[in-house]
C-alpha atoms as a PDB file:
ATOM      1  CA  UNK A   1     -84.956  34.383  87.848  1.00  0.00           C
ATOM      2  CA  UNK A   2     -85.215  36.224  91.166  1.00  0.00           C
ATOM      3  CA  UNK A   3     -85.333  33.792  94.117  1.00  0.00           C
ATOM      4  CA  UNK A   4     -85.483  36.549  96.726  1.00  0.00           C
ATOM      5  CA  UNK A   5     -88.620  36.526  98.819  1.00  0.00           C
ATOM      6  CA  UNK A   6     -89.637  39.520 100.914  1.00  0.00           C
ATOM      7  CA  UNK A   7     -89.965  38.935 104.639  1.00  0.00           C
ATOM      8  CA  UNK A   8     -93.602  38.658 105.580  1.00  0.00           C
ATOM      9  CA  UNK A   9     -94.720  37.351 102.212  1.00  0.00           C
ATOM     10  CA  UNK A  10     -97.136  34.542 102.757  1.00  0.00           C
ATOM     11  CA  UNK A  11     -96.684  31.291 100.945  1.00  0.00           C
ATOM     12  CA  UNK A  12     -99.653  29.156  99.973  1.00  0.00           C
ATOM     13  CA  UNK A  13     -99.742  25.869 101.889  1.00  0.00           C
ATOM     14  CA  UNK A  14     -98.638  22.814  99.981  1.00  0.00           C
ATOM     15  CA  UNK A  15    -101.124  20.085  99.165  1.00  0.00           C
ATOM     16  CA  UNK A  16     -99.507  17.858 101.811  1.00  0.00           C
ATOM     17  CA  UNK A  17     -99.837  20.563 104.461  1.00  0.00           C
ATOM     18  CA  UNK A  18    -103.454  21.221 103.541  1.00  0.00           C
ATOM     19  CA  UNK A  19    -104.223  17.485 103.655  1.00  0.00           C
ATOM     20  CA  UNK A  20    -102.557  17.240 107.091  1.00  0.00           C
ATOM     21  CA  UNK A  21    -104.580  20.178 108.390  1.00  0.00           C
ATOM     22  CA  UNK A  22    -107.769  18.614 107.028  1.00  0.00           C
ATOM     23  CA  UNK A  23    -106.913  15.313 108.749  1.00  0.00           C
ATOM     24  CA  UNK A  24    -106.263  17.188 112.005  1.00  0.00           C
ATOM     25  CA  UNK A  25    -109.669  18.867 111.752  1.00  0.00           C
ATOM     26  CA  UNK A  26    -111.384  15.520 111.113  1.00  0.00           C
ATOM     27  CA  UNK A  27    -109.561  13.806 114.002  1.00  0.00           C
ATOM     28  CA  UNK A  28    -110.459  16.664 116.376  1.00  0.00           C
ATOM     29  CA  UNK A  29    -114.109  16.421 115.343  1.00  0.00           C
ATOM     30  CA  UNK A  30    -114.281  12.637 115.691  1.00  0.00           C
ATOM     31  CA  UNK A  31    -112.689  12.658 119.135  1.00  0.00           C
ATOM     32  CA  UNK A  32    -114.947  15.493 120.302  1.00  0.00           C
ATOM     33  CA  UNK A  33    -118.020  13.630 119.053  1.00  0.00           C
ATOM     34  CA  UNK A  34    -116.807  10.538 120.932  1.00  0.00           C
ATOM     35  CA  UNK A  35    -116.880  12.567 124.159  1.00  0.00           C
ATOM     36  CA  UNK A  36    -113.239  13.491 124.605  1.00  0.00           C
ATOM     37  CA  UNK A  37    -112.185  16.993 125.643  1.00  0.00           C
ATOM     38  CA  UNK A  38    -110.002  18.235 122.789  1.00  0.00           C
ATOM     39  CA  UNK A  39    -107.969  21.296 123.665  1.00  0.00           C
ATOM     40  CA  UNK A  40    -107.820  24.197 121.184  1.00  0.00           C
ATOM     41  CA  UNK A  41    -104.020  24.450 121.526  1.00  0.00           C
ATOM     42  CA  UNK A  42    -101.185  21.971 121.043  1.00  0.00           C
ATOM     43  CA  UNK A  43    -100.716  21.327 124.728  1.00  0.00           C
ATOM     44  CA  UNK A  44    -103.340  19.302 126.490  1.00  0.00           C
ATOM     45  CA  UNK A  45    -104.640  20.463 129.822  1.00  0.00           C
ATOM     46  CA  UNK A  46    -104.843  17.870 132.554  1.00  0.00           C
ATOM     47  CA  UNK A  47    -107.278  15.247 131.312  1.00  0.00           C
ATOM     48  CA  UNK A  48    -107.798  16.758 127.861  1.00  0.00           C
ATOM     49  CA  UNK A  49    -106.332  15.860 124.493  1.00  0.00           C
ATOM     50  CA  UNK A  50    -103.694  17.691 122.527  1.00  0.00           C
ATOM     51  CA  UNK A  51    -104.102  17.253 118.758  1.00  0.00           C
ATOM     52  CA  UNK A  52    -101.832  18.771 116.120  1.00  0.00           C
ATOM     53  CA  UNK A  53    -100.427  18.118 112.671  1.00  0.00           C
ATOM     54  CA  UNK A  54     -96.741  17.254 112.528  1.00  0.00           C
ATOM     55  CA  UNK A  55     -95.720  17.337 108.840  1.00  0.00           C
ATOM     56  CA  UNK A  56     -93.035  14.692 109.426  1.00  0.00           C
ATOM     57  CA  UNK A  57     -95.265  12.185 111.242  1.00  0.00           C
ATOM     58  CA  UNK A  58     -98.977  12.869 110.805  1.00  0.00           C
ATOM     59  CA  UNK A  59    -101.629  14.031 113.258  1.00  0.00           C
ATOM     60  CA  UNK A  60    -100.404  13.620 116.830  1.00  0.00           C
ATOM     61  CA  UNK A  61    -102.854  12.858 119.651  1.00  0.00           C
ATOM     62  CA  UNK A  62    -101.722  13.068 123.280  1.00  0.00           C
ATOM     63  CA  UNK A  63    -103.618  12.727 126.520  1.00  0.00           C
ATOM     64  CA  UNK A  64    -102.805  15.551 128.944  1.00  0.00           C
ATOM     65  CA  UNK A  65    -101.710  14.170 132.250  1.00  0.00           C
ATOM     66  CA  UNK A  66     -98.890  15.076 134.593  1.00  0.00           C
ATOM     67  CA  UNK A  67     -95.763  12.925 134.583  1.00  0.00           C
ATOM     68  CA  UNK A  68     -96.631  11.734 138.090  1.00  0.00           C
ATOM     69  CA  UNK A  69    -100.076  10.592 136.960  1.00  0.00           C
ATOM     70  CA  UNK A  70     -98.634   8.836 133.889  1.00  0.00           C
ATOM     71  CA  UNK A  71     -96.484   6.682 136.143  1.00  0.00           C
ATOM     72  CA  UNK A  72     -98.921   6.314 138.999  1.00  0.00           C
ATOM     73  CA  UNK A  73    -101.979   5.558 136.882  1.00  0.00           C
ATOM     74  CA  UNK A  74    -100.518   3.582 134.005  1.00  0.00           C
ATOM     75  CA  UNK A  75    -103.619   1.380 133.849  1.00  0.00           C
ATOM     76  CA  UNK A  76    -105.819   4.440 133.302  1.00  0.00           C
ATOM     77  CA  UNK A  77    -103.398   5.776 130.677  1.00  0.00           C
ATOM     78  CA  UNK A  78    -103.543   2.428 128.886  1.00  0.00           C
ATOM     79  CA  UNK A  79    -107.362   2.484 128.975  1.00  0.00           C
ATOM     80  CA  UNK A  80    -107.473   6.035 127.575  1.00  0.00           C
ATOM     81  CA  UNK A  81    -104.998   5.127 124.813  1.00  0.00           C
ATOM     82  CA  UNK A  82    -107.064   2.031 123.949  1.00  0.00           C
ATOM     83  CA  UNK A  83    -110.246   4.112 123.798  1.00  0.00           C
ATOM     84  CA  UNK A  84    -108.571   6.723 121.592  1.00  0.00           C
ATOM     85  CA  UNK A  85    -107.154   4.072 119.277  1.00  0.00           C
ATOM     86  CA  UNK A  86    -110.527   2.308 119.061  1.00  0.00           C
ATOM     87  CA  UNK A  87    -112.399   5.503 118.125  1.00  0.00           C
ATOM     88  CA  UNK A  88    -109.819   6.424 115.498  1.00  0.00           C
ATOM     89  CA  UNK A  89    -109.511   2.959 113.949  1.00  0.00           C
ATOM     90  CA  UNK A  90    -113.288   2.497 113.825  1.00  0.00           C
ATOM     91  CA  UNK A  91    -113.453   5.856 112.010  1.00  0.00           C
ATOM     92  CA  UNK A  92    -111.167   4.327 109.360  1.00  0.00           C
ATOM     93  CA  UNK A  93    -107.828   5.868 110.344  1.00  0.00           C
ATOM     94  CA  UNK A  94    -104.390   4.278 110.366  1.00  0.00           C
ATOM     95  CA  UNK A  95    -102.938   4.731 113.869  1.00  0.00           C
ATOM     96  CA  UNK A  96     -99.555   3.913 115.361  1.00  0.00           C
ATOM     97  CA  UNK A  97     -97.939   4.624 118.733  1.00  0.00           C
ATOM     98  CA  UNK A  98     -94.894   6.788 119.329  1.00  0.00           C
ATOM     99  CA  UNK A  99     -92.825   7.641 122.430  1.00  0.00           C
ATOM    100  CA  UNK A 100     -93.664   4.383 124.231  1.00  0.00           C
ATOM    101  CA  UNK A 101     -97.370   4.848 123.691  1.00  0.00           C
ATOM    102  CA  UNK A 102     -97.563   8.412 124.983  1.00  0.00           C
ATOM    103  CA  UNK A 103     -98.550   9.654 121.522  1.00  0.00           C
ATOM    104  CA  UNK A 104    -100.827   8.232 118.899  1.00  0.00           C
ATOM    105  CA  UNK A 105     -99.963   9.152 115.314  1.00  0.00           C
ATOM    106  CA  UNK A 106    -102.797   9.227 112.777  1.00  0.00           C
ATOM    107  CA  UNK A 107    -101.497   8.914 109.215  1.00  0.00           C
ATOM    108  CA  UNK A 108    -104.681   8.592 107.200  1.00  0.00           C
END
């Protein structure tokens, strides 16, 4: 059996990867419909949300804010995180915090 794979050959996504990408799409849509600004890339612009699928953890949601604002406006950060969590939980998702609450991880 030849296990050599040519460089550039595409590999079909696994079922787990496809499910993670579907969950990411659903989370993006739900947050957008709730009025949040969801960025098209991984990194959130100031005030927007970064949403991406991390195969090891789930769908990651972060609120884009500078480090100075995160410290200076911790009450606002907490309110945004609470709003995000509320929208996601009410939509039926399992959500946990990571990195001292700076990221929300959606697992289902």
